[in-house]
Amino acid sequence: EIKELVTLFGLENLFDRHPHDLSGGEIQKVALACLLFTDPSVLLID
């Protein structure tokens, strides 16, 4: 399920980048993937 999320958000090409060097959209994708790793029942997203 982790591999599926990484592929879904296209994060493989970002592996070696520093998070603070990412674009705004890339930051959102990495953060969302990390949130979904925990598989919560309720998602509160701002």
All heavy atoms as atom14 arrays in JSON, in Angstrom:
{
  "sequence": "EIKELVTLFGLENLFDRHPHDLSGGEIQKVALACLLFTDPSVLLID",
  "atom14_mask": [
    [1, 1, 1, 1, 1, 1, 1, 1, 1, 0, 0, 0, 0, 0],
    [1, 1, 1, 1, 1, 1, 1, 1, 0, 0, 0, 0, 0, 0],
    [1, 1, 1, 1, 1, 1, 1, 1, 1, 0, 0, 0, 0, 0],
    [1, 1, 1, 1, 1, 1, 1, 1, 1, 0, 0, 0, 0, 0],
    [1, 1, 1, 1, 1, 1, 1, 1, 0, 0, 0, 0, 0, 0],
    [1, 1, 1, 1, 1, 1, 1, 0, 0, 0, 0, 0, 0, 0],
    [1, 1, 1, 1, 1, 1, 1, 0, 0, 0, 0, 0, 0, 0],
    [1, 1, 1, 1, 1, 1, 1, 1, 0, 0, 0, 0, 0, 0],
    [1, 1, 1, 1, 1, 1, 1, 1, 1, 1, 1, 0, 0, 0],
    [1, 1, 1, 1, 0, 0, 0, 0, 0, 0, 0, 0, 0, 0],
    [1, 1, 1, 1, 1, 1, 1, 1, 0, 0, 0, 0, 0, 0],
    [1, 1, 1, 1, 1, 1, 1, 1, 1, 0, 0, 0, 0, 0],
    [1, 1, 1, 1, 1, 1, 1, 1, 0, 0, 0, 0, 0, 0],
    [1, 1, 1, 1, 1, 1, 1, 1, 0, 0, 0, 0, 0, 0],
    [1, 1, 1, 1, 1, 1, 1, 1, 1, 1, 1, 0, 0, 0],
    [1, 1, 1, 1, 1, 1, 1, 1, 0, 0, 0, 0, 0, 0],
    [1, 1, 1, 1, 1, 1, 1, 1, 1, 1, 1, 0, 0, 0],
    [1, 1, 1, 1, 1, 1, 1, 1, 1, 1, 0, 0, 0, 0],
    [1, 1, 1, 1, 1, 1, 1, 0, 0, 0, 0, 0, 0, 0],
    [1, 1, 1, 1, 1, 1, 1, 1, 1, 1, 0, 0, 0, 0],
    [1, 1, 1, 1, 1, 1, 1, 1, 0, 0, 0, 0, 0, 0],
    [1, 1, 1, 1, 1, 1, 1, 1, 0, 0, 0, 0, 0, 0],
    [1, 1, 1, 1, 1, 1, 0, 0, 0, 0, 0, 0, 0, 0],
    [1, 1, 1, 1, 0, 0, 0, 0, 0, 0, 0, 0, 0, 0],
    [1, 1, 1, 1, 0, 0, 0, 0, 0, 0, 0, 0, 0, 0],
    [1, 1, 1, 1, 1, 1, 1, 1, 1, 0, 0, 0, 0, 0],
    [1, 1, 1, 1, 1, 1, 1, 1, 0, 0, 0, 0, 0, 0],
    [1, 1, 1, 1, 1, 1, 1, 1, 1, 0, 0, 0, 0, 0],
    [1, 1, 1, 1, 1, 1, 1, 1, 1, 0, 0, 0, 0, 0],
    [1, 1, 1, 1, 1, 1, 1, 0, 0, 0, 0, 0, 0, 0],
    [1, 1, 1, 1, 1, 0, 0, 0, 0, 0, 0, 0, 0, 0],
    [1, 1, 1, 1, 1, 1, 1, 1, 0, 0, 0, 0, 0, 0],
    [1, 1, 1, 1, 1, 0, 0, 0, 0, 0, 0, 0, 0, 0],
    [1, 1, 1, 1, 1, 1, 0, 0, 0, 0, 0, 0, 0, 0],
    [1, 1, 1, 1, 1, 1, 1, 1, 0, 0, 0, 0, 0, 0],
    [1, 1, 1, 1, 1, 1, 1, 1, 0, 0, 0, 0, 0, 0],
    [1, 1, 1, 1, 1, 1, 1, 1, 1, 1, 1, 0, 0, 0],
    [1, 1, 1, 1, 1, 1, 1, 0, 0, 0, 0, 0, 0, 0],
    [1, 1, 1, 1, 1, 1, 1, 1, 0, 0, 0, 0, 0, 0],
    [1, 1, 1, 1, 1, 1, 1, 0, 0, 0, 0, 0, 0, 0],
    [1, 1, 1, 1, 1, 1, 0, 0, 0, 0, 0, 0, 0, 0],
    [1, 1, 1, 1, 1, 1, 1, 0, 0, 0, 0, 0, 0, 0],
    [1, 1, 1, 1, 1, 1, 1, 1, 0, 0, 0, 0, 0, 0],
    [1, 1, 1, 1, 1, 1, 1, 1, 0, 0, 0, 0, 0, 0],
    [1, 1, 1, 1, 1, 1, 1, 1, 0, 0, 0, 0, 0, 0],
    [1, 1, 1, 1, 1, 1, 1, 1, 0, 0, 0, 0, 0, 0]
  ],
  "atom14_positions": [
    [[0.82, -1.21, 0.0], [0.0, 0.0, 0.0], [0.86, 1.27, 0.0], [0.45, 2.3, -0.54], [-0.98, 0.02, 1.18], [-0.34, -0.08, 2.56], [-0.31, -1.51, 3.07], [-0.16, -2.44, 2.24], [-0.41, -1.69, 4.29], [0.0, 0.0, 0.0], [0.0, 0.0, 0.0], [0.0, 0.0, 0.0], [0.0, 0.0, 0.0], [0.0, 0.0, 0.0]],
    [[2.07, 1.19, 0.6], [2.99, 2.33, 0.58], [3.52, 2.53, -0.84], [3.56, 3.66, -1.36], [4.15, 2.12, 1.57], [3.62, 1.96, 3.0], [5.14, 3.28, 1.47], [2.9, 3.15, 3.55], [0.0, 0.0, 0.0], [0.0, 0.0, 0.0], [0.0, 0.0, 0.0], [0.0, 0.0, 0.0], [0.0, 0.0, 0.0], [0.0, 0.0, 0.0]],
    [[3.92, 1.45, -1.49], [4.41, 1.53, -2.87], [3.33, 2.08, -3.79], [3.6, 2.87, -4.7], [4.86, 0.15, -3.34], [6.12, -0.37, -2.65], [6.44, -1.8, -3.05], [6.83, -1.89, -4.51], [7.22, -3.28, -4.87], [0.0, 0.0, 0.0], [0.0, 0.0, 0.0], [0.0, 0.0, 0.0], [0.0, 0.0, 0.0], [0.0, 0.0, 0.0]],
    [[2.08, 1.68, -3.54], [0.97, 2.15, -4.36], [0.79, 3.66, -4.23], [0.6, 4.37, -5.22], [-0.32, 1.44, -3.95], [-1.53, 1.85, -4.78], [-2.81, 1.18, -4.3], [-2.76, 0.44, -3.29], [-3.85, 1.38, -4.94], [0.0, 0.0, 0.0], [0.0, 0.0, 0.0], [0.0, 0.0, 0.0], [0.0, 0.0, 0.0], [0.0, 0.0, 0.0]],
    [[0.9, 4.17, -3.0], [0.75, 5.6, -2.78], [1.9, 6.38, -3.41], [1.7, 7.44, -4.0], [0.68, 5.9, -1.27], [-0.65, 5.6, -0.59], [-0.48, 5.62, 0.93], [-1.71, 6.6, -1.02], [0.0, 0.0, 0.0], [0.0, 0.0, 0.0], [0.0, 0.0, 0.0], [0.0, 0.0, 0.0], [0.0, 0.0, 0.0], [0.0, 0.0, 0.0]],
    [[3.12, 5.87, -3.27], [4.29, 6.53, -3.85], [4.15, 6.62, -5.36], [4.43, 7.67, -5.98], [5.59, 5.77, -3.47], [6.77, 6.29, -4.29], [5.88, 5.95, -1.97], [0.0, 0.0, 0.0], [0.0, 0.0, 0.0], [0.0, 0.0, 0.0], [0.0, 0.0, 0.0], [0.0, 0.0, 0.0], [0.0, 0.0, 0.0], [0.0, 0.0, 0.0]],
    [[3.68, 5.54, -5.98], [3.48, 5.53, -7.43], [2.33, 6.45, -7.83], [2.43, 7.2, -8.81], [3.18, 4.09, -7.92], [4.27, 3.25, -7.56], [2.99, 4.07, -9.43], [0.0, 0.0, 0.0], [0.0, 0.0, 0.0], [0.0, 0.0, 0.0], [0.0, 0.0, 0.0], [0.0, 0.0, 0.0], [0.0, 0.0, 0.0], [0.0, 0.0, 0.0]],
    [[1.24, 6.4, -7.06], [0.07, 7.22, -7.36], [0.43, 8.7, -7.43], [0.02, 9.42, -8.34], [-1.01, 7.0, -6.31], [-2.24, 7.91, -6.41], [-3.11, 7.49, -7.57], [-3.03, 7.93, -5.13], [0.0, 0.0, 0.0], [0.0, 0.0, 0.0], [0.0, 0.0, 0.0], [0.0, 0.0, 0.0], [0.0, 0.0, 0.0], [0.0, 0.0, 0.0]],
    [[1.21, 9.17, -6.45], [1.56, 10.59, -6.4], [2.83, 10.91, -7.18], [3.28, 12.06, -7.19], [1.72, 11.04, -4.94], [0.42, 11.16, -4.2], [0.01, 10.19, -3.31], [-0.41, 12.25, -4.41], [-1.2, 10.3, -2.64], [-1.6, 12.39, -3.74], [-2.01, 11.41, -2.85], [0.0, 0.0, 0.0], [0.0, 0.0, 0.0], [0.0, 0.0, 0.0]],
    [[3.42, 9.91, -7.85], [4.6, 10.16, -8.68], [5.77, 10.71, -7.89], [6.42, 11.68, -8.31], [0.0, 0.0, 0.0], [0.0, 0.0, 0.0], [0.0, 0.0, 0.0], [0.0, 0.0, 0.0], [0.0, 0.0, 0.0], [0.0, 0.0, 0.0], [0.0, 0.0, 0.0], [0.0, 0.0, 0.0], [0.0, 0.0, 0.0], [0.0, 0.0, 0.0]],
    [[6.09, 10.08, -6.75], [7.11, 10.63, -5.86], [8.51, 10.08, -6.1], [9.47, 10.6, -5.53], [6.71, 10.37, -4.39], [5.34, 10.91, -3.95], [5.11, 10.61, -2.48], [5.23, 12.41, -4.22], [0.0, 0.0, 0.0], [0.0, 0.0, 0.0], [0.0, 0.0, 0.0], [0.0, 0.0, 0.0], [0.0, 0.0, 0.0], [0.0, 0.0, 0.0]],
    [[8.63, 9.03, -6.93], [9.94, 8.41, -7.13], [10.98, 9.42, -7.61], [12.15, 9.39, -7.17], [9.86, 7.26, -8.13], [9.02, 6.08, -7.66], [7.59, 6.18, -8.17], [7.15, 7.31, -8.5], [6.92, 5.14, -8.24], [0.0, 0.0, 0.0], [0.0, 0.0, 0.0], [0.0, 0.0, 0.0], [0.0, 0.0, 0.0], [0.0, 0.0, 0.0]],
    [[10.59, 10.3, -8.51], [11.53, 11.28, -9.08], [11.93, 12.36, -8.08], [12.82, 13.17, -8.37], [10.93, 11.93, -10.33], [10.75, 10.93, -11.45], [11.46, 9.94, -11.54], [9.78, 11.19, -12.32], [0.0, 0.0, 0.0], [0.0, 0.0, 0.0], [0.0, 0.0, 0.0], [0.0, 0.0, 0.0], [0.0, 0.0, 0.0], [0.0, 0.0, 0.0]],
    [[11.27, 12.38, -6.93], [11.56, 13.42, -5.93], [12.39, 12.88, -4.76], [12.72, 13.64, -3.84], [10.25, 14.0, -5.38], [9.26, 14.58, -6.39], [8.0, 15.06, -5.68], [9.88, 15.73, -7.18], [0.0, 0.0, 0.0], [0.0, 0.0, 0.0], [0.0, 0.0, 0.0], [0.0, 0.0, 0.0], [0.0, 0.0, 0.0], [0.0, 0.0, 0.0]],
    [[12.71, 11.59, -4.77], [13.33, 10.95, -3.61], [14.57, 11.7, -3.11], [14.79, 11.82, -1.91], [13.71, 9.51, -3.95], [12.6, 8.52, -3.77], [12.78, 7.17, -4.06], [11.35, 8.93, -3.3], [11.76, 6.25, -3.9], [10.32, 8.02, -3.13], [10.52, 6.68, -3.44], [0.0, 0.0, 0.0], [0.0, 0.0, 0.0], [0.0, 0.0, 0.0]],
    [[15.43, 12.18, -4.02], [16.7, 12.78, -3.61], [16.6, 14.28, -3.36], [17.6, 14.9, -2.97], [17.77, 12.52, -4.68], [18.08, 11.03, -4.83], [17.98, 10.31, -3.83], [18.4, 10.6, -5.96], [0.0, 0.0, 0.0], [0.0, 0.0, 0.0], [0.0, 0.0, 0.0], [0.0, 0.0, 0.0], [0.0, 0.0, 0.0], [0.0, 0.0, 0.0]],
    [[15.42, 14.86, -3.56], [15.26, 16.3, -3.36], [15.04, 16.63, -1.89], [14.41, 15.88, -1.14], [14.06, 16.81, -4.17], [14.19, 16.67, -5.69], [14.96, 17.81, -6.3], [14.26, 19.06, -6.15], [13.28, 19.48, -6.96], [12.89, 18.72, -7.99], [12.71, 20.64, -6.77], [0.0, 0.0, 0.0], [0.0, 0.0, 0.0], [0.0, 0.0, 0.0]],
    [[15.55, 17.78, -1.47], [15.23, 18.28, -0.12], [13.79, 18.78, -0.14], [13.38, 19.47, -1.07], [16.17, 19.42, 0.25], [16.13, 19.77, 1.72], [15.05, 20.4, 2.3], [17.03, 19.56, 2.71], [15.29, 20.57, 3.59], [16.48, 20.06, 3.87], [0.0, 0.0, 0.0], [0.0, 0.0, 0.0], [0.0, 0.0, 0.0], [0.0, 0.0, 0.0]],
    [[12.99, 18.44, 0.87], [11.58, 18.86, 0.87], [11.38, 20.35, 0.67], [10.41, 20.78, 0.04], [11.08, 18.41, 2.25], [11.93, 17.23, 2.59], [13.3, 17.56, 2.03], [0.0, 0.0, 0.0], [0.0, 0.0, 0.0], [0.0, 0.0, 0.0], [0.0, 0.0, 0.0], [0.0, 0.0, 0.0], [0.0, 0.0, 0.0], [0.0, 0.0, 0.0]],
    [[12.29, 21.17, 1.2], [12.12, 22.63, 1.09], [12.47, 23.15, -0.3], [12.25, 24.32, -0.59], [12.94, 23.34, 2.16], [12.4, 23.16, 3.53], [12.83, 23.89, 4.62], [11.44, 22.34, 4.02], [12.18, 23.52, 5.7], [11.34, 22.58, 5.36], [0.0, 0.0, 0.0], [0.0, 0.0, 0.0], [0.0, 0.0, 0.0], [0.0, 0.0, 0.0]],
    [[13.04, 22.31, -1.17], [13.34, 22.71, -2.55], [12.22, 22.32, -3.51], [12.31, 22.59, -4.71], [14.66, 22.07, -3.02], [15.87, 22.71, -2.37], [15.75, 23.87, -1.92], [16.92, 22.05, -2.31], [0.0, 0.0, 0.0], [0.0, 0.0, 0.0], [0.0, 0.0, 0.0], [0.0, 0.0, 0.0], [0.0, 0.0, 0.0], [0.0, 0.0, 0.0]],
    [[11.16, 21.69, -2.99], [10.06, 21.25, -3.84], [9.14, 22.41, -4.17], [9.07, 23.41, -3.45], [9.25, 20.16, -3.13], [9.99, 18.88, -2.71], [9.02, 17.95, -1.99], [10.6, 18.18, -3.92], [0.0, 0.0, 0.0], [0.0, 0.0, 0.0], [0.0, 0.0, 0.0], [0.0, 0.0, 0.0], [0.0, 0.0, 0.0], [0.0, 0.0, 0.0]],
    [[8.41, 22.27, -5.28], [7.38, 23.24, -5.61], [6.21, 23.07, -4.65], [6.11, 22.07, -3.93], [6.89, 23.05, -7.05], [6.13, 21.85, -7.15], [0.0, 0.0, 0.0], [0.0, 0.0, 0.0], [0.0, 0.0, 0.0], [0.0, 0.0, 0.0], [0.0, 0.0, 0.0], [0.0, 0.0, 0.0], [0.0, 0.0, 0.0], [0.0, 0.0, 0.0]],
    [[5.3, 24.05, -4.65], [4.14, 23.97, -3.76], [3.31, 22.72, -4.02], [2.86, 22.06, -3.08], [0.0, 0.0, 0.0], [0.0, 0.0, 0.0], [0.0, 0.0, 0.0], [0.0, 0.0, 0.0], [0.0, 0.0, 0.0], [0.0, 0.0, 0.0], [0.0, 0.0, 0.0], [0.0, 0.0, 0.0], [0.0, 0.0, 0.0], [0.0, 0.0, 0.0]],
    [[3.11, 22.38, -5.3], [2.34, 21.19, -5.63], [3.03, 19.92, -5.2], [2.39, 18.97, -4.72], [0.0, 0.0, 0.0], [0.0, 0.0, 0.0], [0.0, 0.0, 0.0], [0.0, 0.0, 0.0], [0.0, 0.0, 0.0], [0.0, 0.0, 0.0], [0.0, 0.0, 0.0], [0.0, 0.0, 0.0], [0.0, 0.0, 0.0], [0.0, 0.0, 0.0]],
    [[4.36, 19.87, -5.36], [5.11, 18.69, -4.94], [5.07, 18.52, -3.43], [4.96, 17.39, -2.92], [6.55, 18.8, -5.45], [6.68, 18.66, -6.96], [8.03, 19.1, -7.49], [8.74, 19.89, -6.81], [8.39, 18.67, -8.59], [0.0, 0.0, 0.0], [0.0, 0.0, 0.0], [0.0, 0.0, 0.0], [0.0, 0.0, 0.0], [0.0, 0.0, 0.0]],
    [[5.15, 19.63, -2.69], [5.06, 19.57, -1.23], [3.71, 18.98, -0.81], [3.63, 18.13, 0.09], [5.25, 20.97, -0.62], [6.71, 21.41, -0.75], [4.81, 21.01, 0.84], [6.96, 22.85, -0.37], [0.0, 0.0, 0.0], [0.0, 0.0, 0.0], [0.0, 0.0, 0.0], [0.0, 0.0, 0.0], [0.0, 0.0, 0.0], [0.0, 0.0, 0.0]],
    [[2.63, 19.44, -1.47], [1.3, 18.93, -1.14], [1.22, 17.42, -1.37], [0.65, 16.69, -0.56], [0.25, 19.63, -2.0], [-0.06, 21.06, -1.6], [-0.73, 21.13, -0.24], [-0.14, 21.55, 0.74], [-1.97, 20.71, -0.17], [0.0, 0.0, 0.0], [0.0, 0.0, 0.0], [0.0, 0.0, 0.0], [0.0, 0.0, 0.0], [0.0, 0.0, 0.0]],
    [[1.79, 16.95, -2.48], [1.71, 15.51, -2.79], [2.48, 14.68, -1.77], [1.99, 13.63, -1.33], [2.24, 15.27, -4.21], [1.32, 15.8, -5.3], [1.65, 15.23, -6.67], [2.94, 15.74, -7.23], [3.17, 15.27, -8.61], [0.0, 0.0, 0.0], [0.0, 0.0, 0.0], [0.0, 0.0, 0.0], [0.0, 0.0, 0.0], [0.0, 0.0, 0.0]],
    [[3.67, 15.12, -1.39], [4.46, 14.37, -0.4], [3.73, 14.35, 0.95], [3.64, 13.3, 1.61], [5.87, 14.98, -0.25], [6.63, 14.3, 0.89], [6.66, 14.85, -1.55], [0.0, 0.0, 0.0], [0.0, 0.0, 0.0], [0.0, 0.0, 0.0], [0.0, 0.0, 0.0], [0.0, 0.0, 0.0], [0.0, 0.0, 0.0], [0.0, 0.0, 0.0]],
    [[3.2, 15.5, 1.35], [2.52, 15.58, 2.64], [1.26, 14.72, 2.66], [0.97, 14.04, 3.65], [2.17, 17.04, 2.95], [0.0, 0.0, 0.0], [0.0, 0.0, 0.0], [0.0, 0.0, 0.0], [0.0, 0.0, 0.0], [0.0, 0.0, 0.0], [0.0, 0.0, 0.0], [0.0, 0.0, 0.0], [0.0, 0.0, 0.0], [0.0, 0.0, 0.0]],
    [[0.5, 14.73, 1.56], [-0.71, 13.9, 1.48], [-0.37, 12.42, 1.54], [-1.06, 11.63, 2.19], [-1.48, 14.22, 0.21], [-2.39, 15.44, 0.25], [-2.86, 15.81, -1.15], [-3.58, 15.19, 1.17], [0.0, 0.0, 0.0], [0.0, 0.0, 0.0], [0.0, 0.0, 0.0], [0.0, 0.0, 0.0], [0.0, 0.0, 0.0], [0.0, 0.0, 0.0]],
    [[0.7, 12.03, 0.84], [1.11, 10.63, 0.86], [1.48, 10.21, 2.28], [1.07, 9.13, 2.75], [2.29, 10.41, -0.08], [0.0, 0.0, 0.0], [0.0, 0.0, 0.0], [0.0, 0.0, 0.0], [0.0, 0.0, 0.0], [0.0, 0.0, 0.0], [0.0, 0.0, 0.0], [0.0, 0.0, 0.0], [0.0, 0.0, 0.0], [0.0, 0.0, 0.0]],
    [[2.23, 11.05, 2.99], [2.61, 10.73, 4.38], [1.38, 10.59, 5.26], [1.32, 9.71, 6.13], [3.54, 11.82, 4.92], [5.2, 11.82, 4.22], [0.0, 0.0, 0.0], [0.0, 0.0, 0.0], [0.0, 0.0, 0.0], [0.0, 0.0, 0.0], [0.0, 0.0, 0.0], [0.0, 0.0, 0.0], [0.0, 0.0, 0.0], [0.0, 0.0, 0.0]],
    [[0.4, 11.46, 5.06], [-0.82, 11.38, 5.85], [-1.55, 10.06, 5.59], [-2.02, 9.39, 6.53], [-1.75, 12.55, 5.49], [-3.16, 12.52, 6.09], [-3.09, 12.64, 7.6], [-4.02, 13.64, 5.5], [0.0, 0.0, 0.0], [0.0, 0.0, 0.0], [0.0, 0.0, 0.0], [0.0, 0.0, 0.0], [0.0, 0.0, 0.0], [0.0, 0.0, 0.0]],
    [[-1.62, 9.65, 4.32], [-2.35, 8.42, 3.97], [-1.62, 7.16, 4.41], [-2.23, 6.09, 4.5], [-2.63, 8.4, 2.48], [-3.58, 9.5, 1.98], [-3.7, 9.48, 0.47], [-4.96, 9.34, 2.62], [0.0, 0.0, 0.0], [0.0, 0.0, 0.0], [0.0, 0.0, 0.0], [0.0, 0.0, 0.0], [0.0, 0.0, 0.0], [0.0, 0.0, 0.0]],
    [[-0.31, 7.26, 4.68], [0.44, 6.1, 5.21], [-0.2, 5.59, 6.5], [-0.16, 4.4, 6.8], [1.89, 6.48, 5.5], [2.77, 6.56, 4.28], [2.27, 6.39, 3.0], [4.14, 6.82, 4.42], [3.09, 6.47, 1.88], [4.97, 6.9, 3.31], [4.45, 6.73, 2.04], [0.0, 0.0, 0.0], [0.0, 0.0, 0.0], [0.0, 0.0, 0.0]],
    [[-0.78, 6.49, 7.3], [-1.33, 6.12, 8.6], [-2.71, 5.48, 8.49], [-3.22, 4.93, 9.47], [-1.43, 7.35, 9.52], [-2.35, 8.3, 8.94], [-0.08, 8.03, 9.69], [0.0, 0.0, 0.0], [0.0, 0.0, 0.0], [0.0, 0.0, 0.0], [0.0, 0.0, 0.0], [0.0, 0.0, 0.0], [0.0, 0.0, 0.0], [0.0, 0.0, 0.0]],
    [[-3.34, 5.56, 7.3], [-4.63, 4.93, 7.02], [-5.7, 5.3, 8.07], [-6.34, 4.42, 8.66], [-4.47, 3.41, 6.95], [-5.69, 2.73, 6.35], [-6.37, 3.36, 5.53], [-5.96, 1.56, 6.7], [0.0, 0.0, 0.0], [0.0, 0.0, 0.0], [0.0, 0.0, 0.0], [0.0, 0.0, 0.0], [0.0, 0.0, 0.0], [0.0, 0.0, 0.0]],
    [[-5.94, 6.6, 8.31], [-6.93, 6.99, 9.32], [-8.36, 6.79, 8.82], [-8.62, 6.72, 7.62], [-6.63, 8.48, 9.52], [-6.07, 8.92, 8.2], [-5.3, 7.75, 7.66], [0.0, 0.0, 0.0], [0.0, 0.0, 0.0], [0.0, 0.0, 0.0], [0.0, 0.0, 0.0], [0.0, 0.0, 0.0], [0.0, 0.0, 0.0], [0.0, 0.0, 0.0]],
    [[-9.31, 6.71, 9.76], [-10.73, 6.56, 9.4], [-11.31, 7.88, 8.89], [-12.2, 7.89, 8.03], [-11.54, 6.09, 10.62], [-11.06, 4.86, 11.09], [0.0, 0.0, 0.0], [0.0, 0.0, 0.0], [0.0, 0.0, 0.0], [0.0, 0.0, 0.0], [0.0, 0.0, 0.0], [0.0, 0.0, 0.0], [0.0, 0.0, 0.0], [0.0, 0.0, 0.0]],
    [[-10.82, 8.99, 9.45], [-11.3, 10.32, 9.07], [-10.11, 11.15, 8.57], [-9.05, 11.16, 9.21], [-11.95, 11.05, 10.27], [-12.47, 12.42, 9.86], [-13.08, 10.21, 10.85], [0.0, 0.0, 0.0], [0.0, 0.0, 0.0], [0.0, 0.0, 0.0], [0.0, 0.0, 0.0], [0.0, 0.0, 0.0], [0.0, 0.0, 0.0], [0.0, 0.0, 0.0]],
    [[-10.3, 11.8, 7.43], [-9.28, 12.7, 6.9], [-9.76, 14.13, 7.04], [-10.83, 14.49, 6.53], [-9.03, 12.4, 5.42], [-8.47, 11.02, 5.04], [-8.39, 10.89, 3.53], [-7.12, 10.8, 5.67], [0.0, 0.0, 0.0], [0.0, 0.0, 0.0], [0.0, 0.0, 0.0], [0.0, 0.0, 0.0], [0.0, 0.0, 0.0], [0.0, 0.0, 0.0]],
    [[-9.0, 14.94, 7.75], [-9.27, 16.37, 7.87], [-8.17, 17.1, 7.11], [-7.01, 17.07, 7.5], [-9.26, 16.79, 9.34], [-10.39, 16.21, 10.2], [-10.08, 16.38, 11.68], [-11.71, 16.89, 9.88], [0.0, 0.0, 0.0], [0.0, 0.0, 0.0], [0.0, 0.0, 0.0], [0.0, 0.0, 0.0], [0.0, 0.0, 0.0], [0.0, 0.0, 0.0]],
    [[-8.55, 17.74, 6.0], [-7.55, 18.29, 5.08], [-7.85, 19.76, 4.84], [-8.96, 20.14, 4.47], [-7.55, 17.54, 3.73], [-7.63, 16.03, 3.93], [-6.31, 17.89, 2.93], [-7.75, 15.24, 2.65], [0.0, 0.0, 0.0], [0.0, 0.0, 0.0], [0.0, 0.0, 0.0], [0.0, 0.0, 0.0], [0.0, 0.0, 0.0], [0.0, 0.0, 0.0]],
    [[-6.84, 20.59, 5.04], [-6.98, 22.04, 4.89], [-6.3, 22.48, 3.6], [-5.08, 22.42, 3.48], [-6.36, 22.74, 6.1], [-6.85, 24.18, 6.26], [-7.52, 24.68, 5.34], [-6.55, 24.79, 7.3], [0.0, 0.0, 0.0], [0.0, 0.0, 0.0], [0.0, 0.0, 0.0], [0.0, 0.0, 0.0], [0.0, 0.0, 0.0], [0.0, 0.0, 0.0]]
  ]
}
